[in-house]
N, C-alpha and C. Protein backbone atom coordinates (compact mmCIF):
# COMPACT_ATOMS: atom_id res chain seq x y z
N MET A 1 154.09 51.49 -75.19
CA MET A 1 154.09 50.73 -73.98
C MET A 1 154.50 49.29 -74.28
N HIS A 2 155.30 48.70 -73.44
CA HIS A 2 155.66 47.31 -73.67
C HIS A 2 154.51 46.42 -73.20
N PRO A 3 154.44 45.21 -73.72
CA PRO A 3 153.30 44.34 -73.40
C PRO A 3 153.31 43.85 -71.96
N ASP A 4 152.13 43.52 -71.46
CA ASP A 4 152.03 42.91 -70.14
C ASP A 4 152.75 41.57 -70.16
N PHE A 5 153.11 41.09 -69.02
CA PHE A 5 153.74 39.77 -68.95
C PHE A 5 153.29 39.08 -67.68
N THR A 6 153.45 37.79 -67.65
CA THR A 6 153.19 37.03 -66.44
C THR A 6 154.35 36.07 -66.25
N VAL A 7 154.61 35.75 -65.02
CA VAL A 7 155.64 34.77 -64.70
C VAL A 7 154.93 33.62 -64.00
N PRO A 8 154.83 32.46 -64.64
CA PRO A 8 154.13 31.33 -64.01
C PRO A 8 154.77 30.98 -62.67
N SER A 9 153.93 30.66 -61.68
CA SER A 9 154.46 30.32 -60.37
C SER A 9 155.01 28.90 -60.33
N ALA A 10 154.44 28.02 -61.09
CA ALA A 10 154.93 26.64 -61.11
C ALA A 10 154.29 25.93 -62.29
N GLY A 11 154.80 24.79 -62.60
CA GLY A 11 154.20 24.01 -63.68
C GLY A 11 155.19 23.69 -64.77
N PRO A 12 154.74 22.95 -65.79
CA PRO A 12 155.64 22.49 -66.83
C PRO A 12 156.07 23.59 -67.81
N GLN A 13 155.36 24.73 -67.81
CA GLN A 13 155.70 25.79 -68.75
C GLN A 13 157.02 26.46 -68.35
N ALA A 14 157.75 26.89 -69.35
CA ALA A 14 158.94 27.67 -69.08
C ALA A 14 158.50 29.07 -68.66
N PRO A 15 159.17 29.67 -67.66
CA PRO A 15 158.75 31.01 -67.25
C PRO A 15 158.97 32.02 -68.36
N VAL A 16 158.10 32.99 -68.42
CA VAL A 16 158.22 34.07 -69.39
C VAL A 16 159.23 35.08 -68.82
N ILE A 17 160.18 35.49 -69.62
CA ILE A 17 161.14 36.49 -69.17
C ILE A 17 160.58 37.85 -69.56
N PRO A 18 160.24 38.67 -68.55
CA PRO A 18 159.64 39.96 -68.85
C PRO A 18 160.65 40.93 -69.45
N THR A 19 160.14 41.90 -70.19
CA THR A 19 160.95 43.02 -70.61
C THR A 19 160.44 44.25 -69.86
N ILE A 20 161.37 45.11 -69.50
CA ILE A 20 161.06 46.27 -68.68
C ILE A 20 161.48 47.52 -69.45
N ALA A 21 160.61 48.52 -69.50
CA ALA A 21 160.96 49.80 -70.10
C ALA A 21 161.99 50.49 -69.21
N VAL A 22 163.07 50.95 -69.83
CA VAL A 22 164.14 51.62 -69.09
C VAL A 22 164.55 52.88 -69.83
N ALA A 23 164.69 53.97 -69.09
CA ALA A 23 165.19 55.23 -69.63
C ALA A 23 166.59 55.46 -69.07
N HIS A 24 167.48 55.93 -69.91
CA HIS A 24 168.87 56.17 -69.49
C HIS A 24 169.13 57.67 -69.41
N VAL A 25 169.88 58.07 -68.39
CA VAL A 25 170.27 59.46 -68.20
C VAL A 25 171.78 59.52 -68.05
N LEU A 26 172.37 60.65 -68.40
CA LEU A 26 173.83 60.79 -68.32
C LEU A 26 174.29 61.28 -66.95
N SER A 27 173.38 61.88 -66.18
CA SER A 27 173.69 62.31 -64.81
C SER A 27 172.37 62.50 -64.06
N ALA A 28 172.48 62.76 -62.77
CA ALA A 28 171.28 62.85 -61.92
C ALA A 28 170.30 63.93 -62.38
N ALA A 29 170.79 65.02 -62.94
CA ALA A 29 169.90 66.10 -63.36
C ALA A 29 169.68 66.16 -64.86
N ALA A 30 170.28 65.25 -65.60
CA ALA A 30 170.22 65.29 -67.06
C ALA A 30 168.88 64.79 -67.58
N PRO A 31 168.50 65.23 -68.77
CA PRO A 31 167.27 64.70 -69.39
C PRO A 31 167.47 63.24 -69.79
N VAL A 32 166.37 62.60 -70.15
CA VAL A 32 166.45 61.22 -70.64
C VAL A 32 167.23 61.23 -71.95
N HIS A 33 168.28 60.44 -71.99
CA HIS A 33 169.19 60.38 -73.14
C HIS A 33 168.74 59.33 -74.16
N ALA A 34 168.30 58.19 -73.64
CA ALA A 34 167.88 57.07 -74.49
C ALA A 34 166.83 56.28 -73.73
N ALA A 35 166.02 55.53 -74.47
CA ALA A 35 164.98 54.73 -73.84
C ALA A 35 164.73 53.49 -74.67
N GLY A 36 164.26 52.45 -74.02
CA GLY A 36 163.91 51.22 -74.71
C GLY A 36 163.48 50.18 -73.70
N CYS A 37 163.30 48.97 -74.15
CA CYS A 37 162.91 47.86 -73.28
C CYS A 37 164.08 46.89 -73.17
N VAL A 38 164.30 46.38 -71.98
CA VAL A 38 165.37 45.41 -71.77
C VAL A 38 164.80 44.17 -71.10
N PRO A 39 165.33 43.00 -71.43
CA PRO A 39 164.90 41.79 -70.72
C PRO A 39 165.30 41.88 -69.25
N TRP A 40 164.51 41.26 -68.40
CA TRP A 40 164.76 41.29 -66.95
C TRP A 40 166.20 40.93 -66.61
N PRO A 41 166.82 39.89 -67.17
CA PRO A 41 168.22 39.59 -66.80
C PRO A 41 169.17 40.75 -67.10
N ASP A 42 168.92 41.51 -68.17
CA ASP A 42 169.76 42.66 -68.48
C ASP A 42 169.56 43.78 -67.46
N LEU A 43 168.31 43.96 -67.00
CA LEU A 43 168.06 44.97 -65.98
C LEU A 43 168.75 44.59 -64.67
N VAL A 44 168.75 43.31 -64.35
CA VAL A 44 169.45 42.84 -63.15
C VAL A 44 170.93 43.23 -63.23
N ARG A 45 171.55 43.03 -64.39
CA ARG A 45 172.96 43.42 -64.57
C ARG A 45 173.12 44.94 -64.46
N LEU A 46 172.20 45.69 -65.01
CA LEU A 46 172.25 47.15 -64.95
C LEU A 46 172.16 47.64 -63.51
N VAL A 47 171.27 47.05 -62.73
CA VAL A 47 171.10 47.43 -61.32
C VAL A 47 172.40 47.22 -60.56
N SER A 48 173.12 46.18 -60.88
CA SER A 48 174.34 45.82 -60.15
C SER A 48 175.58 46.53 -60.65
N ALA A 49 175.49 47.25 -61.76
CA ALA A 49 176.67 47.85 -62.40
C ALA A 49 176.96 49.23 -61.83
N HIS A 50 177.59 49.27 -60.68
CA HIS A 50 178.04 50.52 -60.09
C HIS A 50 179.12 50.22 -59.07
N THR A 51 179.75 51.25 -58.59
CA THR A 51 180.72 51.09 -57.53
C THR A 51 180.28 51.94 -56.34
N VAL A 52 180.64 51.49 -55.16
CA VAL A 52 180.35 52.27 -53.97
C VAL A 52 181.30 53.45 -53.96
N GLY A 53 180.79 54.64 -53.74
CA GLY A 53 181.60 55.85 -53.72
C GLY A 53 180.80 57.02 -54.23
N PRO A 54 181.46 58.13 -54.51
CA PRO A 54 180.72 59.32 -54.98
C PRO A 54 179.85 59.00 -56.18
N LYS A 55 178.66 59.58 -56.17
CA LYS A 55 177.70 59.31 -57.25
C LYS A 55 177.65 60.49 -58.20
N GLU A 56 178.09 60.29 -59.37
CA GLU A 56 177.92 61.25 -60.46
C GLU A 56 178.19 60.48 -61.73
N GLY A 57 177.28 60.54 -62.61
CA GLY A 57 177.45 59.81 -63.85
C GLY A 57 176.13 59.25 -64.33
N PRO A 58 176.19 58.30 -65.23
CA PRO A 58 174.97 57.78 -65.84
C PRO A 58 174.09 57.03 -64.85
N GLY A 59 172.80 57.00 -65.19
CA GLY A 59 171.84 56.29 -64.37
C GLY A 59 170.69 55.80 -65.22
N TRP A 60 169.71 55.21 -64.60
CA TRP A 60 168.57 54.64 -65.32
C TRP A 60 167.30 54.86 -64.50
N LEU A 61 166.18 54.80 -65.19
CA LEU A 61 164.85 54.88 -64.58
C LEU A 61 164.04 53.72 -65.14
N ALA A 62 163.27 53.07 -64.31
CA ALA A 62 162.39 51.98 -64.78
C ALA A 62 161.10 52.60 -65.31
N ALA A 63 161.23 53.44 -66.35
CA ALA A 63 160.10 54.21 -66.84
C ALA A 63 159.98 54.11 -68.35
N ASP A 64 158.73 54.10 -68.81
CA ASP A 64 158.43 54.15 -70.23
C ASP A 64 158.26 55.62 -70.59
N VAL A 65 159.33 56.24 -71.08
CA VAL A 65 159.34 57.67 -71.39
C VAL A 65 160.29 57.89 -72.56
N ASP A 66 159.92 58.80 -73.45
CA ASP A 66 160.77 59.12 -74.59
C ASP A 66 161.93 60.00 -74.16
N PRO A 67 163.03 60.01 -74.93
CA PRO A 67 164.12 60.94 -74.63
C PRO A 67 163.60 62.37 -74.56
N GLY A 68 164.18 63.13 -73.65
CA GLY A 68 163.78 64.52 -73.46
C GLY A 68 163.77 64.87 -71.99
N PRO A 69 163.07 65.94 -71.61
CA PRO A 69 163.06 66.39 -70.22
C PRO A 69 162.55 65.31 -69.26
N ARG A 70 163.12 65.30 -68.06
CA ARG A 70 162.68 64.37 -67.02
C ARG A 70 161.51 65.01 -66.28
N GLN A 71 160.32 64.72 -66.77
CA GLN A 71 159.10 65.24 -66.16
C GLN A 71 158.13 64.09 -65.95
N ALA A 72 157.59 64.01 -64.75
CA ALA A 72 156.68 62.92 -64.42
C ALA A 72 155.51 62.83 -65.39
N ALA A 73 155.03 63.96 -65.87
CA ALA A 73 153.88 63.97 -66.77
C ALA A 73 154.19 63.28 -68.10
N ARG A 74 155.46 63.12 -68.45
CA ARG A 74 155.84 62.49 -69.71
C ARG A 74 155.92 60.96 -69.60
N VAL A 75 155.91 60.43 -68.39
CA VAL A 75 156.06 58.98 -68.18
C VAL A 75 154.74 58.29 -68.48
N ARG A 76 154.79 57.30 -69.37
CA ARG A 76 153.58 56.54 -69.73
C ARG A 76 153.30 55.42 -68.72
N GLY A 77 154.33 54.93 -68.06
CA GLY A 77 154.14 53.87 -67.08
C GLY A 77 155.47 53.37 -66.55
N TYR A 78 155.38 52.55 -65.53
CA TYR A 78 156.56 51.97 -64.88
C TYR A 78 156.40 50.46 -64.90
N GLY A 79 157.42 49.75 -65.36
CA GLY A 79 157.37 48.29 -65.46
C GLY A 79 158.04 47.57 -64.32
N ALA A 80 158.64 48.33 -63.39
CA ALA A 80 159.30 47.73 -62.23
C ALA A 80 159.10 48.65 -61.04
N LEU A 81 159.01 48.07 -59.89
CA LEU A 81 158.95 48.80 -58.64
C LEU A 81 160.38 48.91 -58.12
N VAL A 82 160.82 50.12 -57.83
CA VAL A 82 162.18 50.34 -57.33
C VAL A 82 162.07 50.93 -55.93
N LEU A 83 162.58 50.21 -54.95
CA LEU A 83 162.57 50.68 -53.56
C LEU A 83 163.99 51.07 -53.17
N ASP A 84 164.19 52.32 -52.77
CA ASP A 84 165.47 52.74 -52.23
C ASP A 84 165.39 52.56 -50.72
N ILE A 85 166.27 51.72 -50.20
CA ILE A 85 166.25 51.37 -48.78
C ILE A 85 167.47 51.97 -48.10
N GLU A 86 167.21 52.79 -47.08
CA GLU A 86 168.29 53.42 -46.33
C GLU A 86 167.72 54.00 -45.04
N ALA A 87 168.58 54.18 -44.03
CA ALA A 87 168.15 54.81 -42.79
C ALA A 87 167.92 56.30 -43.04
N ALA A 88 167.01 56.88 -42.29
CA ALA A 88 166.82 58.33 -42.34
C ALA A 88 168.08 58.98 -41.77
N THR A 89 168.55 60.04 -42.43
CA THR A 89 169.76 60.73 -41.98
C THR A 89 169.54 62.24 -41.94
N SER A 90 170.41 62.90 -41.22
CA SER A 90 170.40 64.35 -41.15
C SER A 90 171.06 64.93 -42.39
N ALA A 91 170.92 66.22 -42.55
CA ALA A 91 171.70 66.93 -43.57
C ALA A 91 173.17 66.88 -43.12
N PRO A 92 174.10 67.00 -44.05
CA PRO A 92 175.51 67.00 -43.64
C PRO A 92 175.80 68.11 -42.64
N GLY A 93 176.58 67.79 -41.62
CA GLY A 93 176.98 68.77 -40.62
C GLY A 93 178.19 69.56 -41.09
N ALA A 94 178.77 70.34 -40.19
CA ALA A 94 179.95 71.15 -40.51
C ALA A 94 181.11 70.27 -40.97
N ASP A 95 181.14 69.04 -40.49
CA ASP A 95 182.20 68.10 -40.88
C ASP A 95 181.92 67.43 -42.22
N GLY A 96 180.75 67.74 -42.82
CA GLY A 96 180.38 67.15 -44.10
C GLY A 96 179.76 65.78 -43.99
N LEU A 97 179.61 65.28 -42.77
CA LEU A 97 179.06 63.94 -42.56
C LEU A 97 177.63 64.01 -42.06
N ARG A 98 176.87 62.98 -42.37
CA ARG A 98 175.48 62.85 -41.93
C ARG A 98 175.41 62.03 -40.66
N ARG A 99 174.29 62.16 -39.98
CA ARG A 99 174.03 61.37 -38.79
C ARG A 99 172.78 60.53 -39.03
N VAL A 100 172.80 59.30 -38.54
CA VAL A 100 171.64 58.41 -38.68
C VAL A 100 170.56 58.88 -37.70
N LEU A 101 169.33 59.06 -38.20
CA LEU A 101 168.22 59.53 -37.38
C LEU A 101 167.21 58.43 -37.08
N GLY A 102 167.17 57.41 -37.88
CA GLY A 102 166.16 56.37 -37.71
C GLY A 102 166.81 55.00 -37.63
N PRO A 103 165.97 53.97 -37.60
CA PRO A 103 166.51 52.61 -37.52
C PRO A 103 167.26 52.24 -38.79
N LEU A 104 168.29 51.42 -38.62
CA LEU A 104 169.02 50.92 -39.78
C LEU A 104 168.17 49.87 -40.49
N PRO A 105 168.26 49.81 -41.81
CA PRO A 105 167.50 48.77 -42.53
C PRO A 105 168.10 47.39 -42.30
N PRO A 106 167.33 46.36 -42.57
CA PRO A 106 167.89 45.01 -42.50
C PRO A 106 168.94 44.82 -43.58
N SER A 107 169.72 43.79 -43.44
CA SER A 107 170.77 43.51 -44.42
C SER A 107 170.16 43.14 -45.77
N ILE A 108 170.95 43.25 -46.79
CA ILE A 108 170.53 42.84 -48.14
C ILE A 108 170.13 41.37 -48.13
N ASP A 109 170.92 40.53 -47.46
CA ASP A 109 170.63 39.10 -47.41
C ASP A 109 169.29 38.82 -46.73
N ASP A 110 168.98 39.56 -45.66
CA ASP A 110 167.71 39.36 -44.96
C ASP A 110 166.52 39.72 -45.84
N VAL A 111 166.63 40.83 -46.58
CA VAL A 111 165.54 41.24 -47.46
C VAL A 111 165.40 40.27 -48.63
N ALA A 112 166.53 39.80 -49.16
CA ALA A 112 166.48 38.81 -50.25
C ALA A 112 165.77 37.54 -49.79
N ALA A 113 166.06 37.09 -48.59
CA ALA A 113 165.42 35.88 -48.07
C ALA A 113 163.93 36.10 -47.86
N LEU A 114 163.54 37.28 -47.38
CA LEU A 114 162.13 37.59 -47.17
C LEU A 114 161.36 37.66 -48.49
N LEU A 115 161.97 38.25 -49.51
CA LEU A 115 161.30 38.33 -50.81
C LEU A 115 161.12 36.94 -51.42
N ALA A 116 162.12 36.09 -51.25
CA ALA A 116 162.07 34.75 -51.85
C ALA A 116 161.04 33.86 -51.16
N ALA A 117 161.01 33.88 -49.83
CA ALA A 117 160.06 33.06 -49.09
C ALA A 117 159.62 33.88 -47.89
N PRO A 118 158.40 34.12 -47.70
CA PRO A 118 157.25 33.44 -48.26
C PRO A 118 156.67 34.07 -49.53
N PHE A 119 157.19 35.21 -49.97
CA PHE A 119 156.54 35.93 -51.05
C PHE A 119 156.82 35.39 -52.44
N GLY A 120 157.98 34.79 -52.66
CA GLY A 120 158.30 34.24 -53.97
C GLY A 120 158.42 35.29 -55.06
N LEU A 121 158.86 36.49 -54.70
CA LEU A 121 158.98 37.57 -55.68
C LEU A 121 160.34 37.55 -56.36
N ALA A 122 160.33 37.76 -57.67
CA ALA A 122 161.58 37.98 -58.38
C ALA A 122 162.06 39.38 -58.01
N ALA A 123 163.34 39.53 -57.77
CA ALA A 123 163.86 40.84 -57.41
C ALA A 123 165.35 40.89 -57.69
N ALA A 124 165.81 42.09 -58.00
CA ALA A 124 167.24 42.37 -58.07
C ALA A 124 167.53 43.30 -56.89
N ILE A 125 168.54 42.99 -56.12
CA ILE A 125 168.90 43.80 -54.96
C ILE A 125 170.38 44.12 -55.08
N ALA A 126 170.71 45.40 -55.01
CA ALA A 126 172.11 45.80 -55.12
C ALA A 126 172.36 47.00 -54.23
N SER A 127 173.56 47.07 -53.68
CA SER A 127 173.95 48.22 -52.87
C SER A 127 173.98 49.47 -53.75
N THR A 128 173.86 50.63 -53.11
CA THR A 128 173.91 51.89 -53.83
C THR A 128 175.29 52.51 -53.67
N HIS A 129 175.50 53.64 -54.34
CA HIS A 129 176.80 54.32 -54.27
C HIS A 129 177.18 54.67 -52.83
N SER A 130 176.21 54.98 -51.99
CA SER A 130 176.51 55.41 -50.62
C SER A 130 176.35 54.29 -49.59
N HIS A 131 176.39 53.04 -50.03
CA HIS A 131 176.29 51.89 -49.14
C HIS A 131 177.39 51.95 -48.08
N GLU A 132 176.98 51.89 -46.81
CA GLU A 132 177.91 51.90 -45.67
C GLU A 132 178.81 53.14 -45.66
N ALA A 133 178.29 54.28 -46.14
CA ALA A 133 179.06 55.54 -46.14
C ALA A 133 179.38 55.95 -44.70
N PRO A 134 180.48 56.67 -44.50
CA PRO A 134 180.84 57.08 -43.14
C PRO A 134 179.80 58.01 -42.53
N ALA A 135 179.58 57.84 -41.23
CA ALA A 135 178.65 58.69 -40.49
C ALA A 135 179.45 59.56 -39.51
N ALA A 136 178.82 60.59 -39.01
CA ALA A 136 179.48 61.53 -38.11
C ALA A 136 179.93 60.87 -36.80
N ASP A 137 179.26 59.80 -36.39
CA ASP A 137 179.61 59.15 -35.13
C ASP A 137 180.80 58.19 -35.25
N GLY A 138 181.40 58.13 -36.42
CA GLY A 138 182.53 57.23 -36.63
C GLY A 138 182.12 55.88 -37.20
N GLY A 139 180.84 55.60 -37.19
CA GLY A 139 180.34 54.36 -37.78
C GLY A 139 179.99 54.59 -39.24
N THR A 140 178.95 53.94 -39.68
CA THR A 140 178.49 54.12 -41.06
C THR A 140 177.01 54.50 -41.06
N LEU A 141 176.54 54.92 -42.22
CA LEU A 141 175.12 55.21 -42.38
C LEU A 141 174.31 53.93 -42.55
N GLY A 142 174.98 52.81 -42.49
CA GLY A 142 174.31 51.53 -42.59
C GLY A 142 174.13 51.07 -44.02
N PRO A 143 173.48 49.93 -44.18
CA PRO A 143 173.28 49.43 -45.54
C PRO A 143 172.34 50.36 -46.32
N ARG A 144 172.70 50.60 -47.55
CA ARG A 144 171.87 51.38 -48.47
C ARG A 144 171.82 50.58 -49.76
N TYR A 145 170.61 50.25 -50.16
CA TYR A 145 170.48 49.40 -51.33
C TYR A 145 169.19 49.67 -52.05
N ARG A 146 169.10 49.09 -53.22
CA ARG A 146 167.94 49.26 -54.09
C ARG A 146 167.36 47.87 -54.35
N VAL A 147 166.03 47.78 -54.21
CA VAL A 147 165.30 46.55 -54.52
C VAL A 147 164.47 46.84 -55.77
N VAL A 148 164.65 46.05 -56.81
CA VAL A 148 163.92 46.23 -58.07
C VAL A 148 163.10 44.97 -58.32
N ILE A 149 161.78 45.17 -58.47
CA ILE A 149 160.86 44.05 -58.64
C ILE A 149 160.08 44.26 -59.94
N PRO A 150 160.15 43.29 -60.87
CA PRO A 150 159.37 43.44 -62.11
C PRO A 150 157.88 43.32 -61.79
N LEU A 151 157.09 44.11 -62.49
CA LEU A 151 155.65 44.12 -62.26
C LEU A 151 154.93 43.32 -63.34
N SER A 152 153.73 42.85 -63.03
CA SER A 152 152.96 42.03 -63.98
C SER A 152 152.37 42.86 -65.10
N ARG A 153 152.34 44.19 -64.92
CA ARG A 153 151.87 45.11 -65.96
C ARG A 153 152.46 46.47 -65.65
N PRO A 154 152.57 47.33 -66.65
CA PRO A 154 153.02 48.69 -66.36
C PRO A 154 152.00 49.41 -65.47
N VAL A 155 152.48 50.23 -64.56
CA VAL A 155 151.61 50.97 -63.65
C VAL A 155 151.86 52.46 -63.80
N LEU A 156 150.88 53.25 -63.39
CA LEU A 156 150.98 54.70 -63.41
C LEU A 156 151.64 55.19 -62.12
N ALA A 157 152.07 56.45 -62.12
CA ALA A 157 152.81 57.00 -60.98
C ALA A 157 152.04 56.86 -59.67
N HIS A 158 150.74 57.18 -59.66
CA HIS A 158 149.98 57.09 -58.41
C HIS A 158 149.86 55.63 -57.94
N GLU A 159 149.81 54.68 -58.86
CA GLU A 159 149.78 53.27 -58.49
C GLU A 159 151.14 52.84 -57.95
N LEU A 160 152.21 53.34 -58.57
CA LEU A 160 153.56 52.95 -58.18
C LEU A 160 153.86 53.37 -56.75
N ARG A 161 153.52 54.60 -56.41
CA ARG A 161 153.78 55.09 -55.06
C ARG A 161 153.01 54.26 -54.03
N ALA A 162 151.72 54.02 -54.29
CA ALA A 162 150.91 53.23 -53.36
C ALA A 162 151.46 51.81 -53.23
N LEU A 163 151.87 51.22 -54.34
CA LEU A 163 152.43 49.87 -54.33
C LEU A 163 153.73 49.84 -53.53
N GLY A 164 154.59 50.83 -53.74
CA GLY A 164 155.85 50.91 -53.01
C GLY A 164 155.64 51.04 -51.52
N LEU A 165 154.74 51.92 -51.12
CA LEU A 165 154.46 52.10 -49.69
C LEU A 165 153.88 50.83 -49.07
N HIS A 166 152.99 50.17 -49.80
CA HIS A 166 152.39 48.93 -49.29
C HIS A 166 153.45 47.84 -49.13
N LEU A 167 154.26 47.62 -50.18
CA LEU A 167 155.26 46.56 -50.09
C LEU A 167 156.29 46.86 -49.01
N ALA A 168 156.70 48.12 -48.88
CA ALA A 168 157.65 48.48 -47.82
C ALA A 168 157.06 48.16 -46.45
N ALA A 169 155.77 48.42 -46.25
CA ALA A 169 155.13 48.11 -44.97
C ALA A 169 155.06 46.60 -44.74
N VAL A 170 154.68 45.85 -45.78
CA VAL A 170 154.58 44.38 -45.66
C VAL A 170 155.94 43.78 -45.32
N LEU A 171 157.00 44.33 -45.91
CA LEU A 171 158.35 43.81 -45.68
C LEU A 171 158.99 44.37 -44.41
N GLY A 172 158.30 45.27 -43.72
CA GLY A 172 158.86 45.87 -42.51
C GLY A 172 159.93 46.90 -42.82
N LEU A 173 159.86 47.52 -43.99
CA LEU A 173 160.88 48.48 -44.41
C LEU A 173 160.35 49.92 -44.39
N ASN A 174 159.15 50.14 -43.86
CA ASN A 174 158.56 51.47 -43.98
C ASN A 174 159.34 52.54 -43.21
N ASN A 175 160.16 52.19 -42.23
CA ASN A 175 160.97 53.18 -41.52
C ASN A 175 162.30 53.47 -42.21
N CYS A 176 162.58 52.75 -43.30
CA CYS A 176 163.85 52.95 -43.99
C CYS A 176 163.68 52.92 -45.50
N PHE A 177 162.49 53.26 -45.94
CA PHE A 177 162.15 53.30 -47.36
C PHE A 177 162.05 54.75 -47.77
N ASP A 178 162.75 55.11 -48.83
CA ASP A 178 162.73 56.48 -49.33
C ASP A 178 161.79 56.54 -50.52
N PRO A 179 160.50 56.95 -50.27
CA PRO A 179 159.54 56.94 -51.39
C PRO A 179 159.88 58.03 -52.36
């Protein structure tokens, strides 16, 4: 497990740059290929390193887990909270397109502003592969993005889910949060 960290809110001390446990996978269904700890600035770059379009290829998990099968029971802890934000959609229709079923999420800029003030949370926010994907009605599925927040200590799966649901509710994202 990587060590706990704190980020001072203010004062003469230099902020501590946290390291986050990250597991790498070669595809969505592949086992964990590699694992280690990365400094927060490197994770921010990793979160942003993708292109909008079809999703197939390498990925990452904010999990402390050894290489091998992707099984929740093998995860020792999570060092970051990852919120996938998107509107609820239908299964693809005969045309291969989805339909939006719920409210669209706020813009990335709006969520970034809310996290910064009044909450003052460090976060990396980046669009996902299916950001603004076409919808059956001729529009788009709306903004789809990922919010990654470093945690003050590693948490267990049951803590992570509760924390994600709580933060999504506080931020007004509970109708467009994919737990």
